[in-house]
Amino acid sequence: MRRFRRLLVGVDLTPPGDAVSPGSRRAALQAQWLAEKTGASLTLFHSTWTDIYEDGFEVRAGPGPEGMASLEELRETYDSSGIPTELVLSGERAWVEMIRRVQRGENDLVIVARRSAAGHRALGSTSKKLMRKCPAPVWVVKGEAKLLYEAIAAATDLTPVGDRAVELAAALALAFGCALHVIHAVRVPLAAQMSAGWKREAEHPSVLQKRAGEAERHILAALRESHPEAAPILHVGSDSPSRFIRETVASLDADLLVMGTVSRAGIAGMLVGNTAERLLDRLECALLTIKPRDFLSPVGSE
């Protein structure tokens, strides 16, 4: 498995700010599992920046005594278990400061909850901003999901970032001891879509079989050096990527989807298609996204 050494966990408090949210506790548990596998340290990060909740505007100057005690209790839980753990409070916007920590080399994987409890979406919007702009992998977990996974899926378009997603998913599947599924949606050229019967032709068994063979050879070649022991189960279709990925993940009852995001050439932080972000609110499972190696975040390091 890629050796993540410094895990950054976004920690939110439930309104009125007196307890760590269930989603944040779930994110911390996932980080604990990974830290135990890799020997990584944990940074529990809490932002005191003003939040806008669904029930209106609420100002948080910082955690009160009960909230601070809850944050310290969470830190002590992991620190006492042998995982080096620090608690960091920041008055900056959560997603901005988390990205800056990655840029400064202080953290190399970000783990957040999809949304916190009590109905507000503070970390929901943070997750999307991190997915768009954070150069490190971003793991978005669900508060009610089980901790140990049984099936992990990777979505790939057979590009370099797709290969990296497959490799990371394979490493996690081997660590969890669970099934690895790889999803590939065949892209039909626009010119072909303009012709009558293109969908019928694209979904013809012989066409899909050929595409599946090409994708399988590509995927196995990508895993040959990094994880030759992995045994991926391939799923190939000709539907739109977001729909095919969503329906396949649901049919597999996958616990985690790993996929890449693609930056638009010359424009830092922009995503083409934005498939990962569209899927975030439609998936029932956790989502782990990675950027291309040459991705440049639009957030300044200072």
C-alpha atoms as a PDB file:
ATOM      1  CA  MET A   1       0.000   0.000   0.000  1.00  0.00           C
ATOM      2  CA  ARG A   2       1.121   3.560  -0.659  1.00  0.00           C
ATOM      3  CA  ARG A   3       2.762   4.697   2.552  1.00  0.00           C
ATOM      4  CA  PHE A   4       0.605   7.520   3.820  1.00  0.00           C
ATOM      5  CA  ARG A   5       2.512   8.943   6.776  1.00  0.00           C
ATOM      6  CA  ARG A   6       0.583  11.990   7.975  1.00  0.00           C
ATOM      7  CA  LEU A   7      -3.211  11.695   7.958  1.00  0.00           C
ATOM      8  CA  LEU A   8      -5.369  14.806   8.273  1.00  0.00           C
ATOM      9  CA  VAL A   9      -8.869  14.278   9.703  1.00  0.00           C
ATOM     10  CA  GLY A  10     -11.456  17.046   9.501  1.00  0.00           C
ATOM     11  CA  VAL A  11     -13.388  17.184  12.782  1.00  0.00           C
ATOM     12  CA  ASP A  12     -16.708  18.974  13.101  1.00  0.00           C
ATOM     13  CA  LEU A  13     -18.808  19.691  16.183  1.00  0.00           C
ATOM     14  CA  THR A  14     -22.552  19.208  16.391  1.00  0.00           C
ATOM     15  CA  PRO A  15     -24.585  22.384  16.955  1.00  0.00           C
ATOM     16  CA  PRO A  16     -24.344  24.146  19.349  1.00  0.00           C
ATOM     17  CA  GLY A  17     -20.706  23.022  19.364  1.00  0.00           C
ATOM     18  CA  ASP A  18     -20.577  20.815  22.429  1.00  0.00           C
ATOM     19  CA  ALA A  19     -19.661  17.394  20.966  1.00  0.00           C
ATOM     20  CA  VAL A  20     -17.718  15.818  18.099  1.00  0.00           C
ATOM     21  CA  SER A  21     -20.163  14.851  15.356  1.00  0.00           C
ATOM     22  CA  PRO A  22     -20.825  11.145  14.629  1.00  0.00           C
ATOM     23  CA  GLY A  23     -19.517  11.596  11.091  1.00  0.00           C
ATOM     24  CA  SER A  24     -16.237  13.031  12.356  1.00  0.00           C
ATOM     25  CA  ARG A  25     -15.850  10.144  14.786  1.00  0.00           C
ATOM     26  CA  ARG A  26     -16.360   7.750  11.892  1.00  0.00           C
ATOM     27  CA  ALA A  27     -13.698   9.595   9.860  1.00  0.00           C
ATOM     28  CA  ALA A  28     -11.308   9.355  12.812  1.00  0.00           C
ATOM     29  CA  LEU A  29     -11.975   5.607  13.139  1.00  0.00           C
ATOM     30  CA  GLN A  30     -11.190   5.145   9.453  1.00  0.00           C
ATOM     31  CA  ALA A  31      -7.985   7.111   9.912  1.00  0.00           C
ATOM     32  CA  GLN A  32      -7.104   4.965  12.930  1.00  0.00           C
ATOM     33  CA  TRP A  33      -7.468   1.787  10.865  1.00  0.00           C
ATOM     34  CA  LEU A  34      -5.208   3.186   8.149  1.00  0.00           C
ATOM     35  CA  ALA A  35      -2.663   4.491  10.656  1.00  0.00           C
ATOM     36  CA  GLU A  36      -2.421   1.053  12.251  1.00  0.00           C
ATOM     37  CA  LYS A  37      -1.762  -0.469   8.805  1.00  0.00           C
ATOM     38  CA  THR A  38       0.822   2.080   7.699  1.00  0.00           C
ATOM     39  CA  GLY A  39       2.356   3.481  10.897  1.00  0.00           C
ATOM     40  CA  ALA A  40       1.054   6.961  10.066  1.00  0.00           C
ATOM     41  CA  SER A  41       0.409   9.796  12.500  1.00  0.00           C
ATOM     42  CA  LEU A  42      -2.932  11.602  12.860  1.00  0.00           C
ATOM     43  CA  THR A  43      -3.775  15.282  12.809  1.00  0.00           C
ATOM     44  CA  LEU A  44      -7.276  16.059  14.082  1.00  0.00           C
ATOM     45  CA  PHE A  45      -8.208  19.400  12.521  1.00  0.00           C
ATOM     46  CA  HIS A  46     -11.035  21.644  13.684  1.00  0.00           C
ATOM     47  CA  SER A  47     -11.894  24.995  12.112  1.00  0.00           C
ATOM     48  CA  THR A  48     -13.589  27.718  14.136  1.00  0.00           C
ATOM     49  CA  TRP A  49     -14.466  29.645  10.980  1.00  0.00           C
ATOM     50  CA  THR A  50     -18.080  30.866  10.915  1.00  0.00           C
ATOM     51  CA  ASP A  51     -20.442  28.253   9.474  1.00  0.00           C
ATOM     52  CA  ILE A  52     -23.774  28.666   7.699  1.00  0.00           C
ATOM     53  CA  TYR A  53     -26.146  25.924   8.796  1.00  0.00           C
ATOM     54  CA  GLU A  54     -29.375  24.890   7.108  1.00  0.00           C
ATOM     55  CA  ASP A  55     -31.403  26.541   9.876  1.00  0.00           C
ATOM     56  CA  GLY A  56     -29.780  29.904   9.320  1.00  0.00           C
ATOM     57  CA  PHE A  57     -26.660  31.882  10.062  1.00  0.00           C
ATOM     58  CA  GLU A  58     -24.733  30.837  13.164  1.00  0.00           C
ATOM     59  CA  VAL A  59     -21.522  32.373  14.441  1.00  0.00           C
ATOM     60  CA  ARG A  60     -18.982  30.136  16.179  1.00  0.00           C
ATOM     61  CA  ALA A  61     -16.161  32.049  17.819  1.00  0.00           C
ATOM     62  CA  GLY A  62     -14.623  28.738  18.850  1.00  0.00           C
ATOM     63  CA  PRO A  63     -15.456  25.594  20.781  1.00  0.00           C
ATOM     64  CA  GLY A  64     -16.733  26.135  24.292  1.00  0.00           C
ATOM     65  CA  PRO A  65     -15.557  24.119  27.310  1.00  0.00           C
ATOM     66  CA  GLU A  66     -17.714  21.092  26.416  1.00  0.00           C
ATOM     67  CA  GLY A  67     -16.684  21.163  22.753  1.00  0.00           C
ATOM     68  CA  MET A  68     -13.018  21.531  23.655  1.00  0.00           C
ATOM     69  CA  ALA A  69     -13.281  18.642  26.101  1.00  0.00           C
ATOM     70  CA  SER A  70     -14.847  16.492  23.370  1.00  0.00           C
ATOM     71  CA  LEU A  71     -12.022  17.333  20.953  1.00  0.00           C
ATOM     72  CA  GLU A  72      -9.356  16.589  23.567  1.00  0.00           C
ATOM     73  CA  GLU A  73     -11.050  13.305  24.463  1.00  0.00           C
ATOM     74  CA  LEU A  74     -10.909  12.259  20.805  1.00  0.00           C
ATOM     75  CA  ARG A  75      -7.212  13.141  20.593  1.00  0.00           C
ATOM     76  CA  GLU A  76      -6.381  11.284  23.781  1.00  0.00           C
ATOM     77  CA  THR A  77      -8.229   8.194  22.539  1.00  0.00           C
ATOM     78  CA  TYR A  78      -5.885   7.745  19.595  1.00  0.00           C
ATOM     79  CA  ASP A  79      -2.736   9.109  21.199  1.00  0.00           C
ATOM     80  CA  SER A  80      -3.077   6.659  24.102  1.00  0.00           C
ATOM     81  CA  SER A  81      -3.539   3.776  21.647  1.00  0.00           C
ATOM     82  CA  GLY A  82      -0.017   4.310  20.315  1.00  0.00           C
ATOM     83  CA  ILE A  83      -0.861   6.447  17.276  1.00  0.00           C
ATOM     84  CA  PRO A  84       0.919   9.841  17.423  1.00  0.00           C
ATOM     85  CA  THR A  85      -2.012  12.270  17.387  1.00  0.00           C
ATOM     86  CA  GLU A  86      -2.188  16.058  17.496  1.00  0.00           C
ATOM     87  CA  LEU A  87      -5.164  18.400  17.698  1.00  0.00           C
ATOM     88  CA  VAL A  88      -5.012  21.533  15.557  1.00  0.00           C
ATOM     89  CA  LEU A  89      -7.472  24.442  15.824  1.00  0.00           C
ATOM     90  CA  SER A  90      -7.617  27.068  13.090  1.00  0.00           C
ATOM     91  CA  GLY A  91      -9.592  30.244  12.556  1.00  0.00           C
ATOM     92  CA  GLU A  92      -9.215  29.862   8.770  1.00  0.00           C
ATOM     93  CA  ARG A  93     -11.783  28.240   6.482  1.00  0.00           C
ATOM     94  CA  ALA A  94     -11.487  24.494   6.969  1.00  0.00           C
ATOM     95  CA  TRP A  95     -10.876  23.537   3.336  1.00  0.00           C
ATOM     96  CA  VAL A  96      -8.372  26.364   2.762  1.00  0.00           C
ATOM     97  CA  GLU A  97      -6.190  25.552   5.765  1.00  0.00           C
ATOM     98  CA  MET A  98      -6.385  21.797   5.129  1.00  0.00           C
ATOM     99  CA  ILE A  99      -5.110  22.337   1.582  1.00  0.00           C
ATOM    100  CA  ARG A 100      -2.331  24.598   2.845  1.00  0.00           C
ATOM    101  CA  ARG A 101      -1.229  21.938   5.293  1.00  0.00           C
ATOM    102  CA  VAL A 102      -0.947  19.495   2.397  1.00  0.00           C
ATOM    103  CA  GLN A 103       0.987  22.030   0.339  1.00  0.00           C
ATOM    104  CA  ARG A 104       3.420  22.569   3.198  1.00  0.00           C
ATOM    105  CA  GLY A 105       4.024  18.831   3.377  1.00  0.00           C
ATOM    106  CA  GLU A 106       2.440  18.508   6.823  1.00  0.00           C
ATOM    107  CA  ASN A 107      -0.176  15.957   5.662  1.00  0.00           C
ATOM    108  CA  ASP A 108      -0.494  13.590   2.690  1.00  0.00           C
ATOM    109  CA  LEU A 109      -4.061  12.215   2.948  1.00  0.00           C
ATOM    110  CA  VAL A 110      -7.248  14.036   3.947  1.00  0.00           C
ATOM    111  CA  ILE A 111     -10.179  12.182   5.550  1.00  0.00           C
ATOM    112  CA  VAL A 112     -13.515  13.908   6.184  1.00  0.00           C
ATOM    113  CA  ALA A 113     -17.130  12.915   6.780  1.00  0.00           C
ATOM    114  CA  ARG A 114     -19.617  13.486   3.988  1.00  0.00           C
ATOM    115  CA  ARG A 115     -21.779  15.550   6.308  1.00  0.00           C
ATOM    116  CA  SER A 116     -22.043  15.986  10.016  1.00  0.00           C
ATOM    117  CA  ALA A 117     -25.007  15.138  12.192  1.00  0.00           C
ATOM    118  CA  ALA A 118     -28.026  17.229  13.160  1.00  0.00           C
ATOM    119  CA  GLY A 119     -28.935  18.083   9.582  1.00  0.00           C
ATOM    120  CA  HIS A 120     -26.350  20.669   8.555  1.00  0.00           C
ATOM    121  CA  ARG A 121     -23.889  20.323   5.714  1.00  0.00           C
ATOM    122  CA  ALA A 122     -20.792  22.111   6.980  1.00  0.00           C
ATOM    123  CA  LEU A 123     -18.426  19.332   5.990  1.00  0.00           C
ATOM    124  CA  GLY A 124     -20.546  18.463   2.958  1.00  0.00           C
ATOM    125  CA  SER A 125     -19.461  21.655   1.182  1.00  0.00           C
ATOM    126  CA  THR A 126     -15.943  21.281   2.581  1.00  0.00           C
ATOM    127  CA  SER A 127     -15.690  17.816   1.012  1.00  0.00           C
ATOM    128  CA  LYS A 128     -16.508  19.141  -2.450  1.00  0.00           C
ATOM    129  CA  LYS A 129     -14.030  21.995  -2.203  1.00  0.00           C
ATOM    130  CA  LEU A 130     -11.322  19.561  -1.127  1.00  0.00           C
ATOM    131  CA  MET A 131     -12.186  17.232  -4.010  1.00  0.00           C
ATOM    132  CA  ARG A 132     -11.803  20.129  -6.435  1.00  0.00           C
ATOM    133  CA  LYS A 133      -8.723  21.825  -5.059  1.00  0.00           C
ATOM    134  CA  CYS A 134      -6.696  19.612  -2.719  1.00  0.00           C
ATOM    135  CA  PRO A 135      -3.582  18.050  -4.315  1.00  0.00           C
ATOM    136  CA  ALA A 136      -3.588  15.112  -1.866  1.00  0.00           C
ATOM    137  CA  PRO A 137      -6.043  12.198  -1.995  1.00  0.00           C
ATOM    138  CA  VAL A 138      -9.355  12.990  -0.284  1.00  0.00           C
ATOM    139  CA  TRP A 139     -11.307  10.213   1.459  1.00  0.00           C
ATOM    140  CA  VAL A 140     -14.951  11.121   2.156  1.00  0.00           C
ATOM    141  CA  VAL A 141     -16.604   8.658   4.547  1.00  0.00           C
ATOM    142  CA  LYS A 142     -20.193   8.152   5.700  1.00  0.00           C
ATOM    143  CA  GLY A 143     -20.973   8.407   9.370  1.00  0.00           C
ATOM    144  CA  GLU A 144     -23.208   5.334   9.448  1.00  0.00           C
ATOM    145  CA  ALA A 145     -21.081   3.058   7.242  1.00  0.00           C
ATOM    146  CA  LYS A 146     -19.335  -0.020   8.582  1.00  0.00           C
ATOM    147  CA  LEU A 147     -15.653   0.296   9.388  1.00  0.00           C
ATOM    148  CA  LEU A 148     -14.378  -2.883   7.724  1.00  0.00           C
ATOM    149  CA  TYR A 149     -14.986  -3.072   4.001  1.00  0.00           C
ATOM    150  CA  GLU A 150     -16.085  -6.131   2.030  1.00  0.00           C
ATOM    151  CA  ALA A 151     -15.948  -4.723  -1.513  1.00  0.00           C
ATOM    152  CA  ILE A 152     -13.877  -1.882  -2.985  1.00  0.00           C
ATOM    153  CA  ALA A 153     -14.434  -0.488  -6.473  1.00  0.00           C
ATOM    154  CA  ALA A 154     -12.178   1.638  -8.664  1.00  0.00           C
ATOM    155  CA  ALA A 155     -13.418   3.634 -11.636  1.00  0.00           C
ATOM    156  CA  THR A 156     -10.934   4.187 -14.450  1.00  0.00           C
ATOM    157  CA  ASP A 157     -10.916   5.803 -17.868  1.00  0.00           C
ATOM    158  CA  LEU A 158      -7.569   4.075 -18.579  1.00  0.00           C
ATOM    159  CA  THR A 159      -5.645   7.340 -18.213  1.00  0.00           C
ATOM    160  CA  PRO A 160      -2.661   7.688 -15.848  1.00  0.00           C
ATOM    161  CA  VAL A 161      -4.823   9.065 -13.034  1.00  0.00           C
ATOM    162  CA  GLY A 162      -7.242   6.191 -13.598  1.00  0.00           C
ATOM    163  CA  ASP A 163      -4.341   3.751 -13.292  1.00  0.00           C
ATOM    164  CA  ARG A 164      -3.350   5.352  -9.991  1.00  0.00           C
ATOM    165  CA  ALA A 165      -6.917   4.984  -8.730  1.00  0.00           C
ATOM    166  CA  VAL A 166      -6.871   1.276  -9.587  1.00  0.00           C
ATOM    167  CA  GLU A 167      -3.503   0.796  -7.897  1.00  0.00           C
ATOM    168  CA  LEU A 168      -4.668   2.528  -4.709  1.00  0.00           C
ATOM    169  CA  ALA A 169      -7.921   0.550  -4.676  1.00  0.00           C
ATOM    170  CA  ALA A 170      -5.948  -2.680  -5.116  1.00  0.00           C
ATOM    171  CA  ALA A 171      -3.704  -1.797  -2.169  1.00  0.00           C
ATOM    172  CA  LEU A 172      -6.701  -1.084   0.040  1.00  0.00           C
ATOM    173  CA  ALA A 173      -8.536  -4.236  -1.084  1.00  0.00           C
ATOM    174  CA  LEU A 174      -5.484  -6.319  -0.181  1.00  0.00           C
ATOM    175  CA  ALA A 175      -5.210  -4.581   3.193  1.00  0.00           C
ATOM    176  CA  PHE A 176      -8.907  -5.099   3.929  1.00  0.00           C
ATOM    177  CA  GLY A 177      -8.833  -8.621   2.518  1.00  0.00           C
ATOM    178  CA  CYS A 178     -11.858  -7.841   0.357  1.00  0.00           C
ATOM    179  CA  ALA A 179     -12.963  -8.045  -3.269  1.00  0.00           C
ATOM    180  CA  LEU A 180     -11.608  -5.566  -5.830  1.00  0.00           C
ATOM    181  CA  HIS A 181     -13.906  -4.422  -8.634  1.00  0.00           C
ATOM    182  CA  VAL A 182     -12.768  -2.198 -11.499  1.00  0.00           C
ATOM    183  CA  ILE A 183     -15.343  -0.179 -13.443  1.00  0.00           C
ATOM    184  CA  HIS A 184     -14.753   1.174 -16.946  1.00  0.00           C
ATOM    185  CA  ALA A 185     -17.309   3.053 -19.017  1.00  0.00           C
ATOM    186  CA  VAL A 186     -16.517   2.908 -22.722  1.00  0.00           C
ATOM    187  CA  ARG A 187     -16.588   6.404 -24.155  1.00  0.00           C
ATOM    188  CA  VAL A 188     -18.497   6.561 -27.439  1.00  0.00           C
ATOM    189  CA  PRO A 189     -17.202   9.278 -29.819  1.00  0.00           C
ATOM    190  CA  LEU A 190     -19.613  12.146 -30.384  1.00  0.00           C
ATOM    191  CA  ALA A 191     -19.667  11.467 -34.140  1.00  0.00           C
ATOM    192  CA  ALA A 192     -20.771   7.903 -33.485  1.00  0.00           C
ATOM    193  CA  GLN A 193     -23.527   9.107 -31.166  1.00  0.00           C
ATOM    194  CA  MET A 194     -24.969  11.153 -34.014  1.00  0.00           C
ATOM    195  CA  SER A 195     -25.538   8.040 -36.124  1.00  0.00           C
ATOM    196  CA  ALA A 196     -28.711   5.982 -35.926  1.00  0.00           C
ATOM    197  CA  GLY A 197     -28.456   2.938 -33.724  1.00  0.00           C
ATOM    198  CA  TRP A 198     -25.149   3.942 -32.132  1.00  0.00           C
ATOM    199  CA  LYS A 199     -26.230   2.798 -28.673  1.00  0.00           C
ATOM    200  CA  ARG A 200     -27.344  -0.585 -29.968  1.00  0.00           C
ATOM    201  CA  GLU A 201     -24.026  -1.000 -31.778  1.00  0.00           C
ATOM    202  CA  ALA A 202     -21.979   0.186 -28.794  1.00  0.00           C
ATOM    203  CA  GLU A 203     -23.726  -2.281 -26.509  1.00  0.00           C
ATOM    204  CA  HIS A 204     -23.431  -5.207 -28.891  1.00  0.00           C
ATOM    205  CA  PRO A 205     -21.873  -8.159 -27.010  1.00  0.00           C
ATOM    206  CA  SER A 206     -18.986  -8.445 -29.463  1.00  0.00           C
ATOM    207  CA  VAL A 207     -18.133  -4.751 -29.094  1.00  0.00           C
ATOM    208  CA  LEU A 208     -18.291  -4.850 -25.296  1.00  0.00           C
ATOM    209  CA  GLN A 209     -16.258  -8.047 -25.238  1.00  0.00           C
ATOM    210  CA  LYS A 210     -13.545  -6.420 -27.315  1.00  0.00           C
ATOM    211  CA  ARG A 211     -13.547  -3.313 -25.135  1.00  0.00           C
ATOM    212  CA  ALA A 212     -13.508  -5.425 -21.994  1.00  0.00           C
ATOM    213  CA  GLY A 213     -10.486  -7.349 -23.268  1.00  0.00           C
ATOM    214  CA  GLU A 214      -8.609  -4.152 -24.046  1.00  0.00           C
ATOM    215  CA  ALA A 215      -9.489  -2.678 -20.638  1.00  0.00           C
ATOM    216  CA  GLU A 216      -8.499  -5.864 -18.806  1.00  0.00           C
ATOM    217  CA  ARG A 217      -5.081  -5.972 -20.473  1.00  0.00           C
ATOM    218  CA  HIS A 218      -4.518  -2.308 -19.621  1.00  0.00           C
ATOM    219  CA  ILE A 219      -5.597  -2.716 -15.988  1.00  0.00           C
ATOM    220  CA  LEU A 220      -3.561  -5.868 -15.384  1.00  0.00           C
ATOM    221  CA  ALA A 221      -0.520  -4.201 -16.923  1.00  0.00           C
ATOM    222  CA  ALA A 222      -0.980  -1.241 -14.568  1.00  0.00           C
ATOM    223  CA  LEU A 223      -1.126  -3.604 -11.560  1.00  0.00           C
ATOM    224  CA  ARG A 224       1.636  -5.956 -12.666  1.00  0.00           C
ATOM    225  CA  GLU A 225       4.458  -4.078 -10.971  1.00  0.00           C
ATOM    226  CA  SER A 226       2.654  -2.595  -7.991  1.00  0.00           C
ATOM    227  CA  HIS A 227       0.200  -5.344  -6.967  1.00  0.00           C
ATOM    228  CA  PRO A 228       0.604  -8.492  -9.088  1.00  0.00           C
ATOM    229  CA  GLU A 229      -1.312 -10.523  -6.499  1.00  0.00           C
ATOM    230  CA  ALA A 230      -4.493  -8.448  -7.005  1.00  0.00           C
ATOM    231  CA  ALA A 231      -7.367 -10.189  -8.787  1.00  0.00           C
ATOM    232  CA  PRO A 232      -9.690  -7.438 -10.079  1.00  0.00           C
ATOM    233  CA  ILE A 233     -13.218  -8.196 -11.263  1.00  0.00           C
ATOM    234  CA  LEU A 234     -13.896  -6.044 -14.325  1.00  0.00           C
ATOM    235  CA  HIS A 235     -17.175  -4.316 -15.184  1.00  0.00           C
ATOM    236  CA  VAL A 236     -17.408  -2.682 -18.623  1.00  0.00           C
ATOM    237  CA  GLY A 237     -20.377  -0.786 -20.071  1.00  0.00           C
ATOM    238  CA  SER A 238     -21.172   1.862 -22.664  1.00  0.00           C
ATOM    239  CA  ASP A 239     -23.422   4.132 -20.598  1.00  0.00           C
ATOM    240  CA  SER A 240     -22.404   7.599 -19.416  1.00  0.00           C
ATOM    241  CA  PRO A 241     -19.555   7.297 -16.883  1.00  0.00           C
ATOM    242  CA  SER A 242     -21.443   8.780 -13.921  1.00  0.00           C
ATOM    243  CA  ARG A 243     -24.544   6.655 -14.460  1.00  0.00           C
ATOM    244  CA  PHE A 244     -22.638   3.443 -15.141  1.00  0.00           C
ATOM    245  CA  ILE A 245     -20.358   3.937 -12.148  1.00  0.00           C
ATOM    246  CA  ARG A 246     -23.251   4.776  -9.829  1.00  0.00           C
ATOM    247  CA  GLU A 247     -25.396   1.819 -10.915  1.00  0.00           C
ATOM    248  CA  THR A 248     -22.489  -0.630 -10.825  1.00  0.00           C
ATOM    249  CA  VAL A 249     -21.356   0.474  -7.391  1.00  0.00           C
ATOM    250  CA  ALA A 250     -24.944   0.125  -6.127  1.00  0.00           C
ATOM    251  CA  SER A 251     -25.346  -3.343  -7.628  1.00  0.00           C
ATOM    252  CA  LEU A 252     -22.088  -4.469  -6.016  1.00  0.00           C
ATOM    253  CA  ASP A 253     -22.994  -2.920  -2.666  1.00  0.00           C
ATOM    254  CA  ALA A 254     -19.447  -1.573  -2.632  1.00  0.00           C
ATOM    255  CA  ASP A 255     -18.162   0.065   0.537  1.00  0.00           C
ATOM    256  CA  LEU A 256     -15.667   2.403  -1.158  1.00  0.00           C
ATOM    257  CA  LEU A 257     -15.227   3.875  -4.631  1.00  0.00           C
ATOM    258  CA  VAL A 258     -11.767   5.094  -5.657  1.00  0.00           C
ATOM    259  CA  MET A 259     -11.480   7.339  -8.701  1.00  0.00           C
ATOM    260  CA  GLY A 260      -9.433  10.120 -10.191  1.00  0.00           C
ATOM    261  CA  THR A 261     -10.385  13.673 -10.981  1.00  0.00           C
ATOM    262  CA  VAL A 262      -9.120  15.270 -14.169  1.00  0.00           C
ATOM    263  CA  SER A 263      -7.794  18.821 -14.296  1.00  0.00           C
ATOM    264  CA  ARG A 264      -8.435  21.008 -17.311  1.00  0.00           C
ATOM    265  CA  ALA A 265      -5.160  21.866 -19.038  1.00  0.00           C
ATOM    266  CA  GLY A 266      -3.887  25.305 -18.103  1.00  0.00           C
ATOM    267  CA  ILE A 267      -6.551  26.075 -15.504  1.00  0.00           C
ATOM    268  CA  ALA A 268      -5.529  25.008 -12.004  1.00  0.00           C
ATOM    269  CA  GLY A 269      -8.238  23.424  -9.902  1.00  0.00           C
ATOM    270  CA  MET A 270     -10.794  22.966 -12.669  1.00  0.00           C
ATOM    271  CA  LEU A 271     -12.344  19.573 -13.339  1.00  0.00           C
ATOM    272  CA  VAL A 272     -13.520  18.251 -16.695  1.00  0.00           C
ATOM    273  CA  GLY A 273     -16.828  16.409 -16.436  1.00  0.00           C
ATOM    274  CA  ASN A 274     -16.629  16.577 -12.647  1.00  0.00           C
ATOM    275  CA  THR A 275     -17.874  12.988 -12.413  1.00  0.00           C
ATOM    276  CA  ALA A 276     -16.509  12.477  -8.892  1.00  0.00           C
ATOM    277  CA  GLU A 277     -18.264  15.535  -7.502  1.00  0.00           C
ATOM    278  CA  ARG A 278     -21.563  14.620  -9.156  1.00  0.00           C
ATOM    279  CA  LEU A 279     -21.326  11.169  -7.609  1.00  0.00           C
ATOM    280  CA  LEU A 280     -20.595  12.388  -4.075  1.00  0.00           C
ATOM    281  CA  ASP A 281     -24.241  13.054  -3.188  1.00  0.00           C
ATOM    282  CA  ARG A 282     -25.556  10.060  -5.143  1.00  0.00           C
ATOM    283  CA  LEU A 283     -23.413   7.278  -3.755  1.00  0.00           C
ATOM    284  CA  GLU A 284     -24.251   5.295  -0.654  1.00  0.00           C
ATOM    285  CA  CYS A 285     -20.603   4.354  -0.137  1.00  0.00           C
ATOM    286  CA  ALA A 286     -17.428   6.211   0.812  1.00  0.00           C
ATOM    287  CA  LEU A 287     -15.495   8.000  -1.934  1.00  0.00           C
ATOM    288  CA  LEU A 288     -11.720   8.353  -2.288  1.00  0.00           C
ATOM    289  CA  THR A 289     -10.493  10.707  -5.009  1.00  0.00           C
ATOM    290  CA  ILE A 290      -6.999  11.411  -6.304  1.00  0.00           C
ATOM    291  CA  LYS A 291      -5.592  14.078  -8.608  1.00  0.00           C
ATOM    292  CA  PRO A 292      -3.259  13.797 -11.584  1.00  0.00           C
ATOM    293  CA  ARG A 293       0.406  14.081 -10.666  1.00  0.00           C
ATOM    294  CA  ASP A 294       0.700  17.471 -12.378  1.00  0.00           C
ATOM    295  CA  PHE A 295      -2.347  18.969 -10.629  1.00  0.00           C
ATOM    296  CA  LEU A 296      -1.858  22.532  -9.401  1.00  0.00           C
ATOM    297  CA  SER A 297      -4.164  23.756  -6.649  1.00  0.00           C
ATOM    298  CA  PRO A 298      -5.573  27.276  -7.051  1.00  0.00           C
ATOM    299  CA  VAL A 299      -5.149  27.772  -3.289  1.00  0.00           C
ATOM    300  CA  GLY A 300      -1.956  29.578  -2.342  1.00  0.00           C
ATOM    301  CA  SER A 301       0.305  27.959   0.239  1.00  0.00           C
ATOM    302  CA  GLU A 302       0.365  31.135   2.335  1.00  0.00           C
END
